[in-house]
C-alpha atoms as a PDB file:
ATOM      1  CA  MET A   1      50.878  70.601 120.116  1.00  0.00           C
ATOM      2  CA  GLU A   2      50.980  73.041 117.633  1.00  0.00           C
ATOM      3  CA  SER A   3      48.695  70.912 115.883  1.00  0.00           C
ATOM      4  CA  PHE A   4      45.796  70.031 118.193  1.00  0.00           C
ATOM      5  CA  PHE A   5      46.137  74.087 118.854  1.00  0.00           C
ATOM      6  CA  ALA A   6      46.087  74.673 115.155  1.00  0.00           C
ATOM      7  CA  VAL A   7      42.749  72.574 115.547  1.00  0.00           C
ATOM      8  CA  LEU A   8      40.990  73.740 118.420  1.00  0.00           C
ATOM      9  CA  LYS A   9      41.638  77.415 116.955  1.00  0.00           C
ATOM     10  CA  LYS A  10      40.217  76.267 113.738  1.00  0.00           C
ATOM     11  CA  GLU A  11      37.497  74.265 114.548  1.00  0.00           C
ATOM     12  CA  LEU A  12      35.860  76.538 117.528  1.00  0.00           C
ATOM     13  CA  LEU A  13      37.761  79.734 118.860  1.00  0.00           C
ATOM     14  CA  TYR A  14      37.441  81.456 115.724  1.00  0.00           C
ATOM     15  CA  ARG A  15      33.843  80.504 114.648  1.00  0.00           C
ATOM     16  CA  ILE A  16      32.779  81.812 118.428  1.00  0.00           C
ATOM     17  CA  PRO A  17      33.271  85.995 119.934  1.00  0.00           C
ATOM     18  CA  THR A  18      35.581  85.123 122.710  1.00  0.00           C
ATOM     19  CA  TYR A  19      36.243  88.578 123.068  1.00  0.00           C
ATOM     20  CA  ARG A  20      33.505  89.446 124.154  1.00  0.00           C
ATOM     21  CA  MET A  21      33.310  87.131 126.333  1.00  0.00           C
ATOM     22  CA  LYS A  22      34.486  86.207 130.197  1.00  0.00           C
ATOM     23  CA  LYS A  23      38.336  84.232 130.474  1.00  0.00           C
ATOM     24  CA  SER A  24      36.134  81.741 132.567  1.00  0.00           C
ATOM     25  CA  GLU A  25      33.531  81.674 129.709  1.00  0.00           C
ATOM     26  CA  VAL A  26      35.446  80.562 127.505  1.00  0.00           C
ATOM     27  CA  GLU A  27      37.704  78.392 129.702  1.00  0.00           C
ATOM     28  CA  THR A  28      34.836  75.973 129.862  1.00  0.00           C
ATOM     29  CA  ILE A  29      33.967  76.113 126.088  1.00  0.00           C
ATOM     30  CA  ILE A  30      37.542  74.902 125.398  1.00  0.00           C
ATOM     31  CA  PHE A  31      36.965  72.076 128.431  1.00  0.00           C
ATOM     32  CA  ARG A  32      34.149  70.694 126.802  1.00  0.00           C
ATOM     33  CA  TYR A  33      35.757  71.581 123.576  1.00  0.00           C
ATOM     34  CA  VAL A  34      38.340  69.119 124.987  1.00  0.00           C
ATOM     35  CA  PHE A  35      36.605  66.385 126.536  1.00  0.00           C
ATOM     36  CA  THR A  36      33.536  65.559 124.905  1.00  0.00           C
ATOM     37  CA  TYR A  37      34.021  66.143 121.242  1.00  0.00           C
ATOM     38  CA  TYR A  38      37.837  66.225 120.778  1.00  0.00           C
ATOM     39  CA  ASN A  39      38.500  63.188 122.702  1.00  0.00           C
ATOM     40  CA  LYS A  40      35.128  60.660 122.045  1.00  0.00           C
ATOM     41  CA  VAL A  41      33.944  62.216 119.181  1.00  0.00           C
ATOM     42  CA  ARG A  42      36.154  63.998 116.054  1.00  0.00           C
ATOM     43  CA  ILE A  43      37.894  61.521 113.833  1.00  0.00           C
ATOM     44  CA  HIS A  44      41.372  60.967 114.383  1.00  0.00           C
ATOM     45  CA  THR A  45      43.741  60.192 111.220  1.00  0.00           C
ATOM     46  CA  SER A  46      46.844  59.312 113.299  1.00  0.00           C
ATOM     47  CA  ASN A  47      45.078  56.384 114.090  1.00  0.00           C
ATOM     48  CA  PRO A  48      44.680  53.122 111.805  1.00  0.00           C
ATOM     49  CA  ASP A  49      40.856  53.169 112.511  1.00  0.00           C
ATOM     50  CA  GLY A  50      40.587  56.855 112.742  1.00  0.00           C
ATOM     51  CA  LEU A  51      38.926  56.165 115.557  1.00  0.00           C
ATOM     52  CA  PRO A  52      38.662  59.343 118.359  1.00  0.00           C
ATOM     53  CA  PRO A  53      40.796  59.124 121.085  1.00  0.00           C
ATOM     54  CA  VAL A  54      38.920  57.254 123.826  1.00  0.00           C
ATOM     55  CA  ALA A  55      37.499  54.508 121.345  1.00  0.00           C
ATOM     56  CA  TYR A  56      40.831  54.231 120.112  1.00  0.00           C
ATOM     57  CA  ARG A  57      42.017  53.507 124.203  1.00  0.00           C
ATOM     58  CA  ASN A  58      39.880  51.176 124.315  1.00  0.00           C
ATOM     59  CA  SER A  59      40.444  49.060 121.920  1.00  0.00           C
ATOM     60  CA  GLN A  60      44.132  48.453 122.457  1.00  0.00           C
ATOM     61  CA  LEU A  61      42.550  47.684 126.363  1.00  0.00           C
ATOM     62  CA  GLU A  62      40.296  45.487 125.075  1.00  0.00           C
ATOM     63  CA  GLU A  63      42.886  43.535 122.667  1.00  0.00           C
ATOM     64  CA  ALA A  64      45.460  44.105 125.627  1.00  0.00           C
ATOM     65  CA  ASP A  65      42.946  41.901 127.689  1.00  0.00           C
ATOM     66  CA  VAL A  66      41.938  39.249 125.064  1.00  0.00           C
ATOM     67  CA  ALA A  67      46.298  38.171 124.659  1.00  0.00           C
END
């Protein structure tokens, strides 16, 4: 979890002026980042192919269906 929050801060929060925004605006930005970019687009080095989590999970499910 610490690694995730470090990435979240580095890639998103330090790049926008959160101190000028309402809490609900920041929550929306974080939600969109996590569910659109982090899970579906961003390359992850923790899995063998470097796939985003959603694509990796789908590939694992396809392999399980074949077997």
